[in-house]
Amino acid sequence: MKDLDITVYGALWCPDCRRAKQLLDRQQTPYKWVDVSQDTEGMQRVEQLNDGKQIIPTIVFGDGSILVEPTNAELAAKLREE
């Protein structure tokens, strides 16, 4: 499997973040995890990508595309594209 260069911005307290991580783990898809509750630069990046809003999970792909609070179906569809 090629490296998709995925970065997941989220927090461990966030159920949607945990769900997205579980899906990526089940698919054996490598990704970089940025815990925005501990990483101020990560939170600033989330705000930059979401017009100043702190919306997680924000998932950034190597092709420049972004998914914000994706459903499992949306995330799985994006993984199939890659």
N, C-alpha and C. Protein backbone atom coordinates (compact mmCIF):
# COMPACT_ATOMS: atom_id res chain seq x y z
N MET A 1 0.85 -1.18 0.00
CA MET A 1 0.00 0.00 0.00
C MET A 1 0.89 1.24 0.00
N LYS A 2 0.59 2.15 -0.89
CA LYS A 2 1.41 3.36 -0.95
C LYS A 2 1.11 4.27 0.24
N ASP A 3 2.06 5.13 0.54
CA ASP A 3 1.89 6.09 1.63
C ASP A 3 0.99 7.21 1.13
N LEU A 4 -0.15 7.38 1.78
CA LEU A 4 -1.12 8.36 1.34
C LEU A 4 -0.87 9.74 1.93
N ASP A 5 0.09 9.86 2.86
CA ASP A 5 0.43 11.14 3.47
C ASP A 5 -0.82 11.80 4.06
N ILE A 6 -1.40 11.14 5.04
CA ILE A 6 -2.62 11.61 5.70
C ILE A 6 -2.27 12.16 7.08
N THR A 7 -2.81 13.33 7.38
CA THR A 7 -2.68 13.90 8.72
C THR A 7 -4.07 14.08 9.31
N VAL A 8 -4.26 13.51 10.50
CA VAL A 8 -5.54 13.64 11.20
C VAL A 8 -5.34 14.60 12.37
N TYR A 9 -6.06 15.71 12.32
CA TYR A 9 -6.06 16.66 13.43
C TYR A 9 -7.29 16.36 14.27
N GLY A 10 -7.07 16.07 15.54
CA GLY A 10 -8.18 15.71 16.40
C GLY A 10 -7.78 15.75 17.86
N ALA A 11 -8.61 15.14 18.69
CA ALA A 11 -8.34 15.05 20.13
C ALA A 11 -8.90 13.73 20.63
N LEU A 12 -8.25 13.16 21.62
CA LEU A 12 -8.68 11.86 22.13
C LEU A 12 -10.06 11.90 22.76
N TRP A 13 -10.49 13.06 23.26
CA TRP A 13 -11.81 13.17 23.89
C TRP A 13 -12.94 13.23 22.86
N CYS A 14 -12.59 13.37 21.58
CA CYS A 14 -13.58 13.57 20.51
C CYS A 14 -14.01 12.22 19.93
N PRO A 15 -15.29 11.85 20.09
CA PRO A 15 -15.76 10.56 19.56
C PRO A 15 -15.60 10.43 18.04
N ASP A 16 -15.84 11.51 17.29
CA ASP A 16 -15.69 11.44 15.83
C ASP A 16 -14.23 11.24 15.44
N CYS A 17 -13.31 11.80 16.23
CA CYS A 17 -11.88 11.61 15.97
C CYS A 17 -11.49 10.15 16.21
N ARG A 18 -11.98 9.60 17.30
CA ARG A 18 -11.68 8.19 17.60
C ARG A 18 -12.24 7.29 16.52
N ARG A 19 -13.43 7.59 16.04
CA ARG A 19 -14.07 6.79 15.00
C ARG A 19 -13.24 6.84 13.71
N ALA A 20 -12.77 8.03 13.34
CA ALA A 20 -11.96 8.16 12.12
C ALA A 20 -10.65 7.39 12.26
N LYS A 21 -10.02 7.49 13.43
CA LYS A 21 -8.77 6.76 13.67
C LYS A 21 -9.01 5.25 13.59
N GLN A 22 -10.12 4.78 14.15
CA GLN A 22 -10.43 3.35 14.12
C GLN A 22 -10.60 2.87 12.68
N LEU A 23 -11.27 3.67 11.85
CA LEU A 23 -11.47 3.27 10.46
C LEU A 23 -10.11 3.20 9.75
N LEU A 24 -9.27 4.21 9.94
CA LEU A 24 -7.95 4.19 9.31
C LEU A 24 -7.13 3.00 9.79
N ASP A 25 -7.20 2.71 11.09
CA ASP A 25 -6.47 1.57 11.64
C ASP A 25 -6.98 0.25 11.05
N ARG A 26 -8.30 0.11 10.96
CA ARG A 26 -8.89 -1.12 10.39
C ARG A 26 -8.45 -1.31 8.94
N GLN A 27 -8.33 -0.19 8.20
CA GLN A 27 -7.91 -0.25 6.80
C GLN A 27 -6.39 -0.37 6.67
N GLN A 28 -5.71 -0.37 7.82
CA GLN A 28 -4.24 -0.42 7.85
C GLN A 28 -3.65 0.72 7.02
N THR A 29 -4.24 1.89 7.16
CA THR A 29 -3.80 3.08 6.45
C THR A 29 -2.92 3.92 7.37
N PRO A 30 -1.67 4.14 6.99
CA PRO A 30 -0.80 4.96 7.85
C PRO A 30 -1.24 6.42 7.84
N TYR A 31 -1.10 7.07 8.98
CA TYR A 31 -1.47 8.48 9.08
C TYR A 31 -0.69 9.11 10.23
N LYS A 32 -0.59 10.41 10.16
CA LYS A 32 0.02 11.17 11.25
C LYS A 32 -1.11 11.71 12.12
N TRP A 33 -1.01 11.52 13.42
CA TRP A 33 -2.02 11.98 14.38
C TRP A 33 -1.50 13.25 15.05
N VAL A 34 -2.29 14.31 15.02
CA VAL A 34 -1.96 15.55 15.71
C VAL A 34 -3.06 15.82 16.73
N ASP A 35 -2.72 15.70 18.01
CA ASP A 35 -3.68 15.95 19.09
C ASP A 35 -3.72 17.45 19.34
N VAL A 36 -4.77 18.10 18.84
CA VAL A 36 -4.85 19.56 18.92
C VAL A 36 -5.06 20.06 20.34
N SER A 37 -5.44 19.17 21.26
CA SER A 37 -5.58 19.61 22.65
C SER A 37 -4.20 19.75 23.30
N GLN A 38 -3.16 19.22 22.65
CA GLN A 38 -1.79 19.30 23.17
C GLN A 38 -0.84 20.03 22.22
N ASP A 39 -1.30 20.32 21.02
CA ASP A 39 -0.44 20.90 19.99
C ASP A 39 -1.07 22.20 19.50
N THR A 40 -0.58 23.34 19.97
CA THR A 40 -1.19 24.62 19.60
C THR A 40 -1.02 24.92 18.12
N GLU A 41 0.10 24.52 17.54
CA GLU A 41 0.27 24.72 16.09
C GLU A 41 -0.73 23.90 15.31
N GLY A 42 -1.02 22.70 15.80
CA GLY A 42 -2.03 21.86 15.16
C GLY A 42 -3.40 22.52 15.20
N MET A 43 -3.77 23.09 16.34
CA MET A 43 -5.06 23.76 16.44
C MET A 43 -5.10 24.99 15.54
N GLN A 44 -4.00 25.70 15.44
CA GLN A 44 -3.95 26.86 14.54
C GLN A 44 -4.15 26.42 13.10
N ARG A 45 -3.58 25.27 12.73
CA ARG A 45 -3.75 24.74 11.37
C ARG A 45 -5.22 24.38 11.12
N VAL A 46 -5.87 23.77 12.11
CA VAL A 46 -7.30 23.44 11.98
C VAL A 46 -8.10 24.72 11.76
N GLU A 47 -7.82 25.74 12.55
CA GLU A 47 -8.54 27.01 12.41
C GLU A 47 -8.29 27.64 11.04
N GLN A 48 -7.06 27.54 10.56
CA GLN A 48 -6.72 28.09 9.25
C GLN A 48 -7.50 27.37 8.14
N LEU A 49 -7.61 26.06 8.26
CA LEU A 49 -8.30 25.27 7.24
C LEU A 49 -9.81 25.42 7.29
N ASN A 50 -10.35 25.83 8.45
CA ASN A 50 -11.81 25.86 8.66
C ASN A 50 -12.33 27.27 8.95
N ASP A 51 -11.76 28.26 8.30
CA ASP A 51 -12.23 29.64 8.42
C ASP A 51 -12.35 30.10 9.87
N GLY A 52 -11.33 29.77 10.67
CA GLY A 52 -11.29 30.21 12.06
C GLY A 52 -12.02 29.32 13.04
N LYS A 53 -12.67 28.28 12.55
CA LYS A 53 -13.43 27.37 13.43
C LYS A 53 -12.56 26.21 13.89
N GLN A 54 -12.81 25.76 15.11
CA GLN A 54 -12.08 24.62 15.67
C GLN A 54 -12.92 23.36 15.46
N ILE A 55 -12.88 22.83 14.24
CA ILE A 55 -13.70 21.67 13.88
C ILE A 55 -12.78 20.46 13.73
N ILE A 56 -13.07 19.42 14.51
CA ILE A 56 -12.29 18.19 14.41
C ILE A 56 -13.23 17.00 14.32
N PRO A 57 -12.82 15.93 13.69
CA PRO A 57 -11.53 15.78 13.03
C PRO A 57 -11.47 16.55 11.72
N THR A 58 -10.30 17.10 11.45
CA THR A 58 -9.96 17.65 10.15
C THR A 58 -8.85 16.75 9.61
N ILE A 59 -9.10 16.17 8.45
CA ILE A 59 -8.17 15.20 7.87
C ILE A 59 -7.63 15.78 6.57
N VAL A 60 -6.31 15.89 6.49
CA VAL A 60 -5.65 16.47 5.33
C VAL A 60 -4.91 15.35 4.59
N PHE A 61 -5.11 15.32 3.28
CA PHE A 61 -4.51 14.29 2.44
C PHE A 61 -3.37 14.88 1.62
N GLY A 62 -2.46 14.03 1.21
CA GLY A 62 -1.28 14.45 0.46
C GLY A 62 -1.61 15.17 -0.84
N ASP A 63 -2.79 14.92 -1.40
CA ASP A 63 -3.17 15.59 -2.65
C ASP A 63 -3.73 16.99 -2.40
N GLY A 64 -3.75 17.41 -1.11
CA GLY A 64 -4.26 18.74 -0.78
C GLY A 64 -5.73 18.77 -0.40
N SER A 65 -6.41 17.65 -0.58
CA SER A 65 -7.84 17.63 -0.23
C SER A 65 -8.00 17.50 1.28
N ILE A 66 -9.17 17.91 1.75
CA ILE A 66 -9.46 17.95 3.19
C ILE A 66 -10.85 17.39 3.43
N LEU A 67 -10.98 16.57 4.47
CA LEU A 67 -12.28 16.15 4.95
C LEU A 67 -12.44 16.68 6.37
N VAL A 68 -13.61 17.26 6.65
CA VAL A 68 -13.90 17.80 7.97
C VAL A 68 -15.10 17.05 8.53
N GLU A 69 -14.92 16.45 9.68
CA GLU A 69 -15.97 15.63 10.32
C GLU A 69 -16.61 14.64 9.34
N PRO A 70 -15.77 13.86 8.64
CA PRO A 70 -16.35 12.94 7.66
C PRO A 70 -17.06 11.77 8.33
N THR A 71 -18.07 11.26 7.65
CA THR A 71 -18.68 10.01 8.08
C THR A 71 -17.72 8.88 7.71
N ASN A 72 -17.96 7.71 8.25
CA ASN A 72 -17.14 6.55 7.87
C ASN A 72 -17.22 6.31 6.37
N ALA A 73 -18.42 6.47 5.79
CA ALA A 73 -18.60 6.24 4.35
C ALA A 73 -17.80 7.25 3.54
N GLU A 74 -17.79 8.51 3.95
CA GLU A 74 -17.04 9.53 3.23
C GLU A 74 -15.53 9.26 3.30
N LEU A 75 -15.07 8.90 4.48
CA LEU A 75 -13.65 8.63 4.65
C LEU A 75 -13.24 7.38 3.88
N ALA A 76 -14.05 6.34 3.93
CA ALA A 76 -13.75 5.11 3.19
C ALA A 76 -13.73 5.38 1.68
N ALA A 77 -14.66 6.19 1.19
CA ALA A 77 -14.69 6.53 -0.24
C ALA A 77 -13.42 7.26 -0.64
N LYS A 78 -12.97 8.19 0.21
CA LYS A 78 -11.73 8.93 -0.10
C LYS A 78 -10.53 7.98 -0.12
N LEU A 79 -10.48 7.04 0.81
CA LEU A 79 -9.38 6.09 0.83
C LEU A 79 -9.37 5.23 -0.43
N ARG A 80 -10.54 4.88 -0.94
CA ARG A 80 -10.62 4.10 -2.18
C ARG A 80 -10.09 4.91 -3.37
N GLU A 81 -10.32 6.25 -3.35
CA GLU A 81 -9.82 7.11 -4.44
C GLU A 81 -8.31 7.08 -4.51
N GLU A 82 -7.70 7.09 -3.33
CA GLU A 82 -6.24 7.19 -3.26
C GLU A 82 -5.69 5.94 -3.84
